[in-house]
N, C-alpha and C. Protein backbone atom coordinates (compact mmCIF):
# COMPACT_ATOMS: atom_id res chain seq x y z
N UNK A 1 -9.34 29.20 -253.36
CA UNK A 1 -10.43 30.02 -252.93
C UNK A 1 -9.73 30.20 -251.31
N UNK A 2 -9.82 31.07 -250.60
CA UNK A 2 -9.14 30.63 -249.14
C UNK A 2 -10.67 31.20 -248.26
N UNK A 3 -10.43 30.52 -247.38
CA UNK A 3 -11.89 30.30 -246.54
C UNK A 3 -11.84 31.05 -244.92
N UNK A 4 -12.47 31.89 -244.49
CA UNK A 4 -12.23 32.20 -243.03
C UNK A 4 -13.22 32.09 -242.01
N UNK A 5 -12.90 31.79 -240.85
CA UNK A 5 -13.66 31.36 -239.74
C UNK A 5 -15.10 32.16 -239.66
N UNK A 6 -15.94 31.36 -240.12
CA UNK A 6 -17.71 32.32 -240.01
C UNK A 6 -18.24 32.20 -241.04
N UNK A 7 -17.38 32.06 -242.46
CA UNK A 7 -17.86 32.00 -244.18
C UNK A 7 -18.88 30.96 -243.82
N UNK A 8 -20.18 31.35 -244.52
CA UNK A 8 -21.26 30.49 -244.62
C UNK A 8 -21.06 29.86 -245.96
N UNK A 9 -20.83 28.41 -246.27
CA UNK A 9 -20.53 27.82 -247.67
C UNK A 9 -22.27 26.85 -247.73
N UNK A 10 -22.37 26.68 -248.59
CA UNK A 10 -23.31 25.21 -249.08
C UNK A 10 -22.63 24.33 -249.47
N UNK A 11 -23.08 22.95 -249.26
CA UNK A 11 -22.30 21.71 -250.14
C UNK A 11 -23.05 21.64 -251.60
N UNK A 12 -21.84 21.26 -252.19
CA UNK A 12 -22.38 20.90 -253.88
C UNK A 12 -22.27 19.55 -253.89
N UNK A 13 -21.10 19.13 -253.46
CA UNK A 13 -21.08 17.57 -253.47
C UNK A 13 -19.98 16.79 -252.50
N UNK A 14 -20.15 15.65 -252.18
CA UNK A 14 -19.18 15.35 -251.24
C UNK A 14 -19.13 13.48 -251.87
N UNK A 15 -17.58 13.44 -251.77
CA UNK A 15 -17.58 11.87 -252.19
C UNK A 15 -17.77 10.93 -250.73
N UNK A 16 -17.94 11.49 -249.63
CA UNK A 16 -18.83 10.59 -248.28
C UNK A 16 -19.52 9.83 -248.88
N UNK A 17 -19.47 8.69 -248.80
CA UNK A 17 -20.99 7.61 -249.05
C UNK A 17 -21.53 7.43 -247.80
N UNK A 18 -20.96 7.79 -246.44
CA UNK A 18 -21.83 7.32 -244.88
C UNK A 18 -22.53 8.69 -244.75
N UNK A 19 -22.52 9.97 -245.33
CA UNK A 19 -23.01 11.20 -244.49
C UNK A 19 -24.60 11.46 -245.04
N UNK A 20 -24.95 12.18 -244.18
CA UNK A 20 -26.72 12.28 -244.36
C UNK A 20 -26.79 13.60 -244.83
N UNK A 21 -25.53 14.40 -245.37
CA UNK A 21 -25.63 15.54 -245.86
C UNK A 21 -26.07 15.89 -247.33
N UNK A 22 -26.58 16.16 -247.94
CA UNK A 22 -27.26 16.60 -249.11
C UNK A 22 -26.86 17.94 -249.59
N UNK A 23 -26.80 18.16 -251.16
CA UNK A 23 -26.46 19.05 -251.62
C UNK A 23 -27.68 20.45 -251.13
N UNK A 24 -26.80 21.59 -251.08
CA UNK A 24 -27.44 22.79 -250.89
C UNK A 24 -27.35 22.98 -249.61
N UNK A 25 -27.10 21.71 -248.44
CA UNK A 25 -27.03 21.96 -246.81
C UNK A 25 -25.82 22.92 -246.61
N UNK A 26 -26.30 24.11 -245.59
CA UNK A 26 -25.05 24.88 -245.28
C UNK A 26 -24.71 24.50 -244.01
N UNK A 27 -23.71 25.79 -244.04
CA UNK A 27 -22.71 25.72 -242.77
C UNK A 27 -21.84 26.57 -242.64
N UNK A 28 -21.09 26.73 -241.45
CA UNK A 28 -20.08 27.96 -241.16
C UNK A 28 -18.91 27.34 -241.26
N UNK A 29 -17.97 27.65 -241.66
CA UNK A 29 -16.41 27.50 -241.45
C UNK A 29 -15.82 27.76 -240.35
N UNK A 30 -15.31 26.37 -239.57
CA UNK A 30 -14.77 26.35 -238.35
C UNK A 30 -13.21 26.94 -238.68
N UNK A 31 -12.70 26.10 -239.78
CA UNK A 31 -11.18 26.27 -240.10
C UNK A 31 -11.07 25.97 -241.35
N UNK A 32 -9.77 26.36 -241.77
CA UNK A 32 -9.41 26.10 -243.15
C UNK A 32 -7.77 25.77 -243.39
N UNK A 33 -7.45 24.34 -243.99
CA UNK A 33 -6.13 24.20 -243.87
C UNK A 33 -5.73 24.40 -245.16
N UNK A 34 -5.18 25.00 -245.65
CA UNK A 34 -5.02 25.01 -247.22
C UNK A 34 -3.97 23.88 -247.32
N UNK A 35 -2.66 23.89 -246.86
CA UNK A 35 -1.75 22.69 -247.20
C UNK A 35 -2.57 21.51 -247.12
N UNK A 36 -3.60 20.98 -246.25
CA UNK A 36 -4.35 20.07 -246.56
C UNK A 36 -5.51 19.67 -247.34
N UNK A 37 -5.65 21.14 -248.04
CA UNK A 37 -7.26 21.69 -248.71
C UNK A 37 -8.36 20.72 -248.22
N UNK A 38 -8.21 20.87 -246.76
CA UNK A 38 -9.29 20.62 -245.91
C UNK A 38 -10.37 21.58 -245.17
N UNK A 39 -11.47 21.49 -245.24
CA UNK A 39 -12.59 22.58 -244.49
C UNK A 39 -13.05 21.85 -243.68
N UNK A 40 -12.79 22.49 -242.60
CA UNK A 40 -13.52 22.04 -241.14
C UNK A 40 -15.20 23.06 -240.94
N UNK A 41 -16.22 22.37 -240.81
CA UNK A 41 -17.60 22.87 -240.92
C UNK A 41 -18.16 22.93 -239.89
N UNK A 42 -18.86 23.43 -239.43
CA UNK A 42 -20.18 22.81 -238.56
C UNK A 42 -21.34 23.45 -239.15
N UNK A 43 -21.82 22.21 -239.70
CA UNK A 43 -23.17 22.25 -240.47
C UNK A 43 -24.05 22.49 -240.04
N UNK A 44 -25.01 23.07 -239.88
CA UNK A 44 -26.73 23.83 -239.63
C UNK A 44 -27.27 22.42 -239.16
N UNK A 45 -27.21 21.39 -239.80
CA UNK A 45 -27.69 20.15 -239.38
C UNK A 45 -27.17 19.43 -238.07
N UNK A 46 -26.00 19.74 -237.82
CA UNK A 46 -25.37 19.31 -236.67
C UNK A 46 -24.27 18.82 -236.47
N UNK A 47 -23.93 18.16 -238.27
CA UNK A 47 -22.80 17.44 -238.62
C UNK A 47 -21.41 18.16 -238.30
N UNK A 48 -20.52 17.61 -238.11
CA UNK A 48 -18.90 18.46 -238.23
C UNK A 48 -18.08 17.48 -239.16
N UNK A 49 -18.63 17.02 -240.21
CA UNK A 49 -18.31 16.66 -241.47
C UNK A 49 -17.09 17.57 -241.92
N UNK A 50 -15.61 17.24 -242.46
CA UNK A 50 -14.99 18.07 -242.80
C UNK A 50 -14.87 17.71 -244.32
N UNK A 51 -14.59 18.94 -245.22
CA UNK A 51 -14.33 18.66 -246.35
C UNK A 51 -13.27 18.46 -247.01
N UNK A 52 -13.02 17.36 -248.03
CA UNK A 52 -11.69 17.20 -248.59
C UNK A 52 -11.71 17.78 -249.52
N UNK A 53 -11.40 19.11 -249.68
CA UNK A 53 -11.50 20.05 -250.94
C UNK A 53 -10.45 18.99 -252.91
N UNK A 54 -9.68 18.61 -251.74
CA UNK A 54 -8.91 17.71 -252.78
C UNK A 54 -8.75 16.81 -253.09
N UNK A 55 -9.92 16.51 -252.62
CA UNK A 55 -10.40 14.85 -253.09
C UNK A 55 -11.83 14.71 -253.44
N UNK A 56 -12.36 15.76 -254.36
CA UNK A 56 -13.44 15.63 -254.79
C UNK A 56 -14.83 16.50 -254.05
N UNK A 57 -14.60 16.97 -252.49
CA UNK A 57 -15.72 17.37 -252.33
C UNK A 57 -15.84 18.71 -252.50
N UNK A 58 -16.92 19.29 -252.89
CA UNK A 58 -17.21 20.95 -253.50
C UNK A 58 -17.98 21.36 -252.60
N UNK A 59 -17.71 22.87 -252.46
CA UNK A 59 -18.99 23.67 -251.55
C UNK A 59 -18.92 25.17 -252.53
N UNK A 60 -19.70 25.71 -252.37
CA UNK A 60 -19.97 27.08 -252.68
C UNK A 60 -20.40 28.24 -251.61
N UNK A 61 -19.69 29.25 -251.91
CA UNK A 61 -20.32 30.01 -250.66
C UNK A 61 -21.98 30.32 -250.85
N UNK A 62 -22.62 30.26 -249.35
CA UNK A 62 -24.39 30.51 -248.94
C UNK A 62 -24.91 31.73 -249.37
């Protein structure tokens, strides 16, 4: 999947045990690095946690 700046996404799952994000939290794509499968997100709750799509993190369109 290709993500563009401003796309709205929702969290399905993250492997980060230290985040306060929960399933269904939403945010806007800041940048997508396809080579690293890394999705940079500005979450609505203020978090800036990036999603490592190749390492088990999962999002869906919001």
